[in-house]
Amino acid sequence: MGEEQISQKTFDEISAQLKFLKTVKRREIANAVNEAREHGDLKENSGYHEARKDQSLNEAKIRELEKKIDSAKVVEEATRTKGVVSLRSQVKFKNLETDEIKVYTLVSELESDILENKVSASTPVGDALLGAKVGETVEVIAPLGIMKFKILEIT
């Protein structure tokens, strides 16, 4: 996996979640495993098996977050070029086929949330918008064909 550009806020949130999973959550799970172990026969002890499953899931999440942090490159907003779509830019554009106007914020894959109009720079739309300027037309190769968007505003 290549470097993933993320904001400092996202990096801090991932780091905090990782710290919680490695300390508080690990301790809670270890206590649950020990408590269930005290109840006797492990073969038929559903509490023990559930605690071990939780332990496994927690460790998998820790590995996932560590991988994200290791591949992350924090990009500050100050490094953005004014008037050019970059990570953290809010872009207003018009679909030239449907005349529909949309506003998206270009973010990293870790931050994307289509319900909040946050589009990953690694998606076809995000990739097409990246580096565009106001007034330019960009083309997006989509499963249904090529879409053309005119950049109206960048903030």
N, C-alpha and C. Protein backbone atom coordinates (compact mmCIF):
# COMPACT_ATOMS: atom_id res chain seq x y z
N MET A 1 0.85 -1.17 0.00
CA MET A 1 0.00 0.00 0.00
C MET A 1 0.89 1.23 0.00
N GLY A 2 0.55 2.24 -0.82
CA GLY A 2 1.34 3.46 -0.91
C GLY A 2 0.99 4.41 0.22
N GLU A 3 1.60 5.59 0.17
CA GLU A 3 1.33 6.60 1.19
C GLU A 3 -0.08 7.14 1.02
N GLU A 4 -0.79 7.25 2.11
CA GLU A 4 -2.14 7.80 2.11
C GLU A 4 -2.07 9.18 2.75
N GLN A 5 -2.46 10.22 2.01
CA GLN A 5 -2.45 11.57 2.56
C GLN A 5 -3.67 11.76 3.45
N ILE A 6 -3.42 12.21 4.67
CA ILE A 6 -4.51 12.46 5.61
C ILE A 6 -4.25 13.77 6.34
N SER A 7 -5.31 14.30 6.91
CA SER A 7 -5.18 15.53 7.69
C SER A 7 -4.61 15.20 9.08
N GLN A 8 -4.10 16.22 9.73
CA GLN A 8 -3.59 16.03 11.10
C GLN A 8 -4.71 15.57 12.02
N LYS A 9 -5.91 16.10 11.82
CA LYS A 9 -7.06 15.72 12.65
C LYS A 9 -7.32 14.22 12.53
N THR A 10 -7.34 13.70 11.32
CA THR A 10 -7.59 12.27 11.11
C THR A 10 -6.47 11.44 11.72
N PHE A 11 -5.23 11.87 11.53
CA PHE A 11 -4.09 11.16 12.11
C PHE A 11 -4.22 11.08 13.63
N ASP A 12 -4.60 12.20 14.24
CA ASP A 12 -4.76 12.25 15.70
C ASP A 12 -5.90 11.34 16.17
N GLU A 13 -7.00 11.30 15.41
CA GLU A 13 -8.14 10.44 15.76
C GLU A 13 -7.75 8.96 15.68
N ILE A 14 -7.03 8.59 14.64
CA ILE A 14 -6.59 7.20 14.49
C ILE A 14 -5.62 6.83 15.60
N SER A 15 -4.70 7.75 15.91
CA SER A 15 -3.73 7.50 16.98
C SER A 15 -4.42 7.31 18.33
N ALA A 16 -5.44 8.14 18.61
CA ALA A 16 -6.17 8.03 19.87
C ALA A 16 -6.93 6.70 19.94
N GLN A 17 -7.55 6.31 18.83
CA GLN A 17 -8.28 5.05 18.81
C GLN A 17 -7.31 3.87 19.02
N LEU A 18 -6.16 3.94 18.39
CA LEU A 18 -5.15 2.89 18.54
C LEU A 18 -4.68 2.80 19.99
N LYS A 19 -4.43 3.92 20.61
CA LYS A 19 -4.00 3.94 22.01
C LYS A 19 -5.07 3.32 22.91
N PHE A 20 -6.33 3.65 22.67
CA PHE A 20 -7.44 3.09 23.45
C PHE A 20 -7.49 1.57 23.30
N LEU A 21 -7.40 1.08 22.06
CA LEU A 21 -7.48 -0.36 21.82
C LEU A 21 -6.32 -1.11 22.46
N LYS A 22 -5.14 -0.49 22.45
CA LYS A 22 -3.95 -1.15 22.98
C LYS A 22 -3.90 -1.14 24.51
N THR A 23 -4.57 -0.19 25.12
CA THR A 23 -4.50 -0.09 26.58
C THR A 23 -5.81 -0.52 27.23
N VAL A 24 -6.79 0.34 27.17
CA VAL A 24 -8.06 0.10 27.86
C VAL A 24 -8.76 -1.16 27.35
N LYS A 25 -8.93 -1.27 26.05
CA LYS A 25 -9.66 -2.40 25.48
C LYS A 25 -8.94 -3.72 25.72
N ARG A 26 -7.61 -3.74 25.53
CA ARG A 26 -6.84 -4.96 25.79
C ARG A 26 -7.01 -5.41 27.24
N ARG A 27 -6.95 -4.46 28.17
CA ARG A 27 -7.08 -4.77 29.60
C ARG A 27 -8.48 -5.33 29.90
N GLU A 28 -9.52 -4.69 29.33
CA GLU A 28 -10.89 -5.17 29.54
C GLU A 28 -11.05 -6.61 29.03
N ILE A 29 -10.52 -6.87 27.85
CA ILE A 29 -10.64 -8.20 27.25
C ILE A 29 -9.85 -9.23 28.05
N ALA A 30 -8.65 -8.87 28.47
CA ALA A 30 -7.83 -9.80 29.27
C ALA A 30 -8.56 -10.15 30.57
N ASN A 31 -9.20 -9.18 31.19
CA ASN A 31 -9.97 -9.44 32.41
C ASN A 31 -11.15 -10.37 32.12
N ALA A 32 -11.82 -10.16 31.00
CA ALA A 32 -12.96 -11.02 30.63
C ALA A 32 -12.50 -12.44 30.35
N VAL A 33 -11.34 -12.60 29.69
CA VAL A 33 -10.80 -13.93 29.41
C VAL A 33 -10.46 -14.63 30.73
N ASN A 34 -9.78 -13.94 31.62
CA ASN A 34 -9.41 -14.52 32.92
C ASN A 34 -10.62 -14.89 33.76
N GLU A 35 -11.61 -14.02 33.76
CA GLU A 35 -12.83 -14.29 34.52
C GLU A 35 -13.57 -15.51 33.96
N ALA A 36 -13.66 -15.59 32.66
CA ALA A 36 -14.34 -16.73 32.02
C ALA A 36 -13.55 -18.02 32.24
N ARG A 37 -12.24 -17.93 32.26
CA ARG A 37 -11.38 -19.10 32.47
C ARG A 37 -11.62 -19.70 33.87
N GLU A 38 -11.93 -18.85 34.82
CA GLU A 38 -12.17 -19.29 36.20
C GLU A 38 -13.46 -20.10 36.34
N HIS A 39 -14.33 -20.04 35.33
CA HIS A 39 -15.60 -20.75 35.39
C HIS A 39 -15.48 -22.22 34.99
N GLY A 40 -14.28 -22.69 34.76
CA GLY A 40 -14.10 -24.13 34.55
C GLY A 40 -13.86 -24.53 33.10
N ASP A 41 -14.44 -25.66 32.75
CA ASP A 41 -14.22 -26.32 31.46
C ASP A 41 -14.26 -25.34 30.29
N LEU A 42 -13.10 -25.14 29.64
CA LEU A 42 -13.01 -24.18 28.55
C LEU A 42 -13.71 -24.66 27.29
N LYS A 43 -13.84 -25.96 27.14
CA LYS A 43 -14.44 -26.52 25.93
C LYS A 43 -15.89 -26.06 25.77
N GLU A 44 -16.62 -25.99 26.86
CA GLU A 44 -18.04 -25.63 26.80
C GLU A 44 -18.32 -24.29 27.48
N ASN A 45 -17.32 -23.46 27.56
CA ASN A 45 -17.45 -22.17 28.23
C ASN A 45 -17.67 -21.08 27.17
N SER A 46 -18.92 -20.72 26.91
CA SER A 46 -19.22 -19.74 25.86
C SER A 46 -18.66 -18.35 26.19
N GLY A 47 -18.63 -17.99 27.46
CA GLY A 47 -18.06 -16.70 27.86
C GLY A 47 -16.59 -16.60 27.50
N TYR A 48 -15.88 -17.70 27.70
CA TYR A 48 -14.45 -17.74 27.37
C TYR A 48 -14.26 -17.60 25.86
N HIS A 49 -15.03 -18.36 25.09
CA HIS A 49 -14.89 -18.31 23.63
C HIS A 49 -15.26 -16.94 23.07
N GLU A 50 -16.26 -16.31 23.66
CA GLU A 50 -16.67 -14.97 23.23
C GLU A 50 -15.56 -13.96 23.55
N ALA A 51 -14.98 -14.07 24.73
CA ALA A 51 -13.89 -13.16 25.11
C ALA A 51 -12.68 -13.34 24.21
N ARG A 52 -12.36 -14.57 23.86
CA ARG A 52 -11.24 -14.84 22.96
C ARG A 52 -11.53 -14.29 21.55
N LYS A 53 -12.78 -14.38 21.12
CA LYS A 53 -13.17 -13.83 19.82
C LYS A 53 -13.00 -12.30 19.84
N ASP A 54 -13.45 -11.66 20.92
CA ASP A 54 -13.28 -10.21 21.07
C ASP A 54 -11.81 -9.84 21.05
N GLN A 55 -10.99 -10.67 21.69
CA GLN A 55 -9.55 -10.43 21.73
C GLN A 55 -8.96 -10.48 20.32
N SER A 56 -9.37 -11.47 19.57
CA SER A 56 -8.89 -11.62 18.20
C SER A 56 -9.30 -10.43 17.33
N LEU A 57 -10.55 -10.01 17.44
CA LEU A 57 -11.05 -8.87 16.67
C LEU A 57 -10.32 -7.58 17.05
N ASN A 58 -10.07 -7.40 18.34
CA ASN A 58 -9.36 -6.21 18.80
C ASN A 58 -7.94 -6.17 18.25
N GLU A 59 -7.25 -7.31 18.28
CA GLU A 59 -5.88 -7.37 17.75
C GLU A 59 -5.85 -7.11 16.25
N ALA A 60 -6.86 -7.59 15.54
CA ALA A 60 -6.95 -7.34 14.09
C ALA A 60 -7.15 -5.85 13.82
N LYS A 61 -7.99 -5.19 14.62
CA LYS A 61 -8.23 -3.76 14.47
C LYS A 61 -6.96 -2.97 14.79
N ILE A 62 -6.22 -3.40 15.79
CA ILE A 62 -4.95 -2.74 16.14
C ILE A 62 -3.99 -2.83 14.96
N ARG A 63 -3.86 -4.02 14.37
CA ARG A 63 -2.96 -4.19 13.21
C ARG A 63 -3.39 -3.30 12.05
N GLU A 64 -4.71 -3.22 11.82
CA GLU A 64 -5.24 -2.39 10.73
C GLU A 64 -4.89 -0.91 10.95
N LEU A 65 -5.10 -0.42 12.17
CA LEU A 65 -4.81 0.98 12.47
C LEU A 65 -3.31 1.27 12.41
N GLU A 66 -2.49 0.34 12.89
CA GLU A 66 -1.04 0.52 12.81
C GLU A 66 -0.59 0.62 11.35
N LYS A 67 -1.19 -0.19 10.52
CA LYS A 67 -0.85 -0.17 9.08
C LYS A 67 -1.24 1.18 8.47
N LYS A 68 -2.42 1.70 8.86
CA LYS A 68 -2.87 3.00 8.35
C LYS A 68 -1.91 4.10 8.78
N ILE A 69 -1.51 4.08 10.04
CA ILE A 69 -0.59 5.10 10.55
C ILE A 69 0.77 5.01 9.86
N ASP A 70 1.24 3.78 9.67
CA ASP A 70 2.54 3.59 9.03
C ASP A 70 2.56 4.09 7.59
N SER A 71 1.40 4.02 6.91
CA SER A 71 1.36 4.43 5.51
C SER A 71 0.83 5.85 5.33
N ALA A 72 0.57 6.54 6.44
CA ALA A 72 -0.03 7.88 6.37
C ALA A 72 1.01 8.96 6.19
N LYS A 73 0.64 9.94 5.40
CA LYS A 73 1.44 11.16 5.26
C LYS A 73 0.51 12.32 5.61
N VAL A 74 0.86 13.02 6.68
CA VAL A 74 0.02 14.13 7.13
C VAL A 74 0.26 15.32 6.21
N VAL A 75 -0.85 15.83 5.67
CA VAL A 75 -0.79 16.98 4.76
C VAL A 75 -1.49 18.14 5.44
N GLU A 76 -0.77 19.20 5.63
CA GLU A 76 -1.34 20.38 6.26
C GLU A 76 -2.02 21.24 5.21
N GLU A 77 -3.04 21.94 5.62
CA GLU A 77 -3.78 22.78 4.69
C GLU A 77 -2.91 23.91 4.15
N ALA A 78 -1.89 24.29 4.88
CA ALA A 78 -1.02 25.38 4.43
C ALA A 78 -0.25 24.99 3.17
N THR A 79 -0.12 23.69 2.89
CA THR A 79 0.63 23.27 1.71
C THR A 79 -0.23 23.30 0.44
N ARG A 80 -1.50 23.62 0.58
CA ARG A 80 -2.38 23.67 -0.58
C ARG A 80 -2.07 24.87 -1.45
N THR A 81 -2.22 24.70 -2.76
CA THR A 81 -2.04 25.79 -3.71
C THR A 81 -3.39 26.44 -3.94
N LYS A 82 -3.46 27.73 -3.73
CA LYS A 82 -4.73 28.45 -3.88
C LYS A 82 -5.23 28.35 -5.33
N GLY A 83 -6.51 28.04 -5.46
CA GLY A 83 -7.13 27.98 -6.78
C GLY A 83 -6.96 26.65 -7.50
N VAL A 84 -6.35 25.68 -6.82
CA VAL A 84 -6.14 24.36 -7.41
C VAL A 84 -6.75 23.32 -6.46
N VAL A 85 -7.51 22.40 -7.02
CA VAL A 85 -8.13 21.36 -6.19
C VAL A 85 -7.03 20.46 -5.62
N SER A 86 -7.04 20.34 -4.30
CA SER A 86 -6.09 19.46 -3.61
C SER A 86 -6.82 18.82 -2.43
N LEU A 87 -6.12 18.02 -1.71
CA LEU A 87 -6.70 17.38 -0.53
C LEU A 87 -7.23 18.45 0.40
N ARG A 88 -8.42 18.26 0.91
CA ARG A 88 -9.16 19.15 1.82
C ARG A 88 -9.84 20.30 1.09
N SER A 89 -9.74 20.38 -0.24
CA SER A 89 -10.45 21.41 -0.99
C SER A 89 -11.93 21.09 -1.05
N GLN A 90 -12.74 22.13 -0.99
CA GLN A 90 -14.17 21.97 -1.25
C GLN A 90 -14.39 22.45 -2.68
N VAL A 91 -14.98 21.58 -3.50
CA VAL A 91 -15.11 21.85 -4.93
C VAL A 91 -16.58 21.88 -5.32
N LYS A 92 -16.96 22.98 -5.96
CA LYS A 92 -18.31 23.08 -6.52
C LYS A 92 -18.17 22.87 -8.02
N PHE A 93 -18.93 21.91 -8.56
CA PHE A 93 -18.81 21.63 -9.98
C PHE A 93 -20.17 21.28 -10.58
N LYS A 94 -20.23 21.38 -11.90
CA LYS A 94 -21.47 21.13 -12.62
C LYS A 94 -21.27 19.95 -13.55
N ASN A 95 -22.21 18.98 -13.49
CA ASN A 95 -22.20 17.86 -14.43
C ASN A 95 -22.73 18.42 -15.75
N LEU A 96 -21.91 18.41 -16.78
CA LEU A 96 -22.27 19.04 -18.05
C LEU A 96 -23.36 18.27 -18.80
N GLU A 97 -23.58 17.04 -18.45
CA GLU A 97 -24.64 16.26 -19.12
C GLU A 97 -26.00 16.48 -18.47
N THR A 98 -26.01 16.55 -17.14
CA THR A 98 -27.28 16.66 -16.41
C THR A 98 -27.55 18.07 -15.87
N ASP A 99 -26.57 18.95 -15.94
CA ASP A 99 -26.63 20.30 -15.36
C ASP A 99 -26.76 20.30 -13.84
N GLU A 100 -26.57 19.13 -13.21
CA GLU A 100 -26.62 19.02 -11.75
C GLU A 100 -25.36 19.64 -11.16
N ILE A 101 -25.54 20.42 -10.10
CA ILE A 101 -24.40 21.04 -9.41
C ILE A 101 -24.19 20.32 -8.09
N LYS A 102 -22.93 19.97 -7.83
CA LYS A 102 -22.57 19.26 -6.59
C LYS A 102 -21.43 20.00 -5.92
N VAL A 103 -21.31 19.78 -4.62
CA VAL A 103 -20.20 20.31 -3.83
C VAL A 103 -19.61 19.14 -3.05
N TYR A 104 -18.35 18.86 -3.29
CA TYR A 104 -17.65 17.79 -2.58
C TYR A 104 -16.40 18.35 -1.92
N THR A 105 -16.05 17.75 -0.80
CA THR A 105 -14.76 18.02 -0.18
C THR A 105 -13.87 16.84 -0.50
N LEU A 106 -12.69 17.11 -1.03
CA LEU A 106 -11.75 16.06 -1.41
C LEU A 106 -10.92 15.68 -0.19
N VAL A 107 -10.98 14.40 0.18
CA VAL A 107 -10.32 13.92 1.39
C VAL A 107 -9.55 12.63 1.10
N SER A 108 -8.87 12.13 2.12
CA SER A 108 -8.18 10.85 1.98
C SER A 108 -9.21 9.72 2.04
N GLU A 109 -8.79 8.55 1.67
CA GLU A 109 -9.68 7.39 1.71
C GLU A 109 -10.17 7.12 3.13
N LEU A 110 -9.33 7.40 4.11
CA LEU A 110 -9.69 7.16 5.51
C LEU A 110 -10.79 8.09 5.99
N GLU A 111 -10.90 9.26 5.36
CA GLU A 111 -11.86 10.27 5.80
C GLU A 111 -13.13 10.30 4.97
N SER A 112 -13.17 9.57 3.87
CA SER A 112 -14.29 9.68 2.94
C SER A 112 -15.61 9.28 3.58
N ASP A 113 -16.65 10.01 3.22
CA ASP A 113 -18.00 9.75 3.71
C ASP A 113 -18.96 10.42 2.73
N ILE A 114 -19.52 9.64 1.83
CA ILE A 114 -20.36 10.20 0.77
C ILE A 114 -21.60 10.88 1.34
N LEU A 115 -22.07 10.45 2.51
CA LEU A 115 -23.23 11.10 3.13
C LEU A 115 -22.92 12.53 3.56
N GLU A 116 -21.63 12.81 3.80
CA GLU A 116 -21.21 14.16 4.16
C GLU A 116 -20.55 14.86 2.98
N ASN A 117 -20.70 14.29 1.77
CA ASN A 117 -20.10 14.83 0.55
C ASN A 117 -18.58 14.94 0.63
N LYS A 118 -17.97 13.99 1.34
CA LYS A 118 -16.52 13.90 1.43
C LYS A 118 -16.08 12.75 0.52
N VAL A 119 -15.39 13.09 -0.56
CA VAL A 119 -15.01 12.10 -1.57
C VAL A 119 -13.51 11.86 -1.52
N SER A 120 -13.14 10.59 -1.54
CA SER A 120 -11.73 10.22 -1.51
C SER A 120 -11.04 10.65 -2.80
N ALA A 121 -9.83 11.15 -2.66
CA ALA A 121 -9.02 11.53 -3.81
C ALA A 121 -8.65 10.31 -4.65
N SER A 122 -8.81 9.11 -4.09
CA SER A 122 -8.44 7.90 -4.83
C SER A 122 -9.60 7.33 -5.65
N THR A 123 -10.79 7.94 -5.57
CA THR A 123 -11.92 7.49 -6.39
C THR A 123 -11.78 8.11 -7.78
N PRO A 124 -12.48 7.59 -8.78
CA PRO A 124 -12.41 8.21 -10.12
C PRO A 124 -12.79 9.69 -10.12
N VAL A 125 -13.84 10.06 -9.38
CA VAL A 125 -14.25 11.47 -9.33
C VAL A 125 -13.17 12.29 -8.62
N GLY A 126 -12.72 11.82 -7.46
CA GLY A 126 -11.69 12.54 -6.72
C GLY A 126 -10.40 12.69 -7.50
N ASP A 127 -9.99 11.63 -8.17
CA ASP A 127 -8.77 11.67 -8.97
C ASP A 127 -8.89 12.67 -10.11
N ALA A 128 -10.06 12.72 -10.75
CA ALA A 128 -10.28 13.66 -11.86
C ALA A 128 -10.27 15.11 -11.37
N LEU A 129 -10.81 15.34 -10.18
CA LEU A 129 -10.87 16.71 -9.64
C LEU A 129 -9.51 17.20 -9.16
N LEU A 130 -8.68 16.29 -8.66
CA LEU A 130 -7.38 16.64 -8.10
C LEU A 130 -6.53 17.40 -9.13
N GLY A 131 -6.10 18.60 -8.75
CA GLY A 131 -5.24 19.41 -9.61
C GLY A 131 -5.99 20.31 -10.57
N ALA A 132 -7.32 20.23 -10.61
CA ALA A 132 -8.11 21.06 -11.52
C ALA A 132 -8.22 22.49 -10.99
N LYS A 133 -8.55 23.40 -11.90
CA LYS A 133 -8.69 24.81 -11.55
C LYS A 133 -10.09 25.28 -11.94
N VAL A 134 -10.53 26.41 -11.37
CA VAL A 134 -11.83 26.98 -11.68
C VAL A 134 -11.92 27.24 -13.19
N GLY A 135 -13.04 26.84 -13.77
CA GLY A 135 -13.27 27.05 -15.20
C GLY A 135 -12.89 25.85 -16.06
N GLU A 136 -12.06 24.97 -15.52
CA GLU A 136 -11.65 23.80 -16.28
C GLU A 136 -12.76 22.76 -16.31
N THR A 137 -12.71 21.92 -17.36
CA THR A 137 -13.61 20.77 -17.47
C THR A 137 -12.77 19.53 -17.28
N VAL A 138 -13.25 18.64 -16.40
CA VAL A 138 -12.54 17.38 -16.16
C VAL A 138 -13.43 16.23 -16.61
N GLU A 139 -12.80 15.15 -17.00
CA GLU A 139 -13.53 13.96 -17.42
C GLU A 139 -13.31 12.85 -16.41
N VAL A 140 -14.41 12.16 -16.10
CA VAL A 140 -14.36 11.03 -15.18
C VAL A 140 -14.80 9.79 -15.94
N ILE A 141 -13.95 8.79 -15.95
CA ILE A 141 -14.30 7.53 -16.60
C ILE A 141 -15.06 6.70 -15.57
N ALA A 142 -16.34 6.52 -15.82
CA ALA A 142 -17.23 5.79 -14.91
C ALA A 142 -17.77 4.55 -15.60
N PRO A 143 -18.32 3.61 -14.82
CA PRO A 143 -18.87 2.40 -15.43
C PRO A 143 -19.91 2.67 -16.52
N LEU A 144 -20.65 3.76 -16.39
CA LEU A 144 -21.69 4.08 -17.39
C LEU A 144 -21.17 4.96 -18.52
N GLY A 145 -19.88 5.23 -18.55
CA GLY A 145 -19.30 6.07 -19.60
C GLY A 145 -18.54 7.24 -19.02
N ILE A 146 -18.20 8.15 -19.90
CA ILE A 146 -17.42 9.32 -19.48
C ILE A 146 -18.35 10.44 -19.05
N MET A 147 -18.08 10.99 -17.87
CA MET A 147 -18.83 12.14 -17.36
C MET A 147 -17.91 13.35 -17.41
N LYS A 148 -18.48 14.51 -17.70
CA LYS A 148 -17.70 15.74 -17.75
C LYS A 148 -18.23 16.71 -16.72
N PHE A 149 -17.30 17.27 -15.95
CA PHE A 149 -17.64 18.22 -14.90
C PHE A 149 -16.90 19.52 -15.15
N LYS A 150 -17.59 20.64 -14.99
CA LYS A 150 -16.96 21.96 -15.06
C LYS A 150 -16.77 22.46 -13.64
N ILE A 151 -15.53 22.84 -13.30
CA ILE A 151 -15.20 23.34 -11.97
C ILE A 151 -15.71 24.77 -11.86
N LEU A 152 -16.59 25.01 -10.88
CA LEU A 152 -17.19 26.32 -10.69
C LEU A 152 -16.51 27.12 -9.58
N GLU A 153 -16.12 26.42 -8.51
CA GLU A 153 -15.55 27.12 -7.35
C GLU A 153 -14.70 26.17 -6.53
N ILE A 154 -13.62 26.70 -5.96
CA ILE A 154 -12.74 25.93 -5.08
C ILE A 154 -12.52 26.74 -3.82
N THR A 155 -12.78 26.11 -2.68
CA THR A 155 -12.50 26.82 -1.41
C THR A 155 -11.69 25.92 -0.50
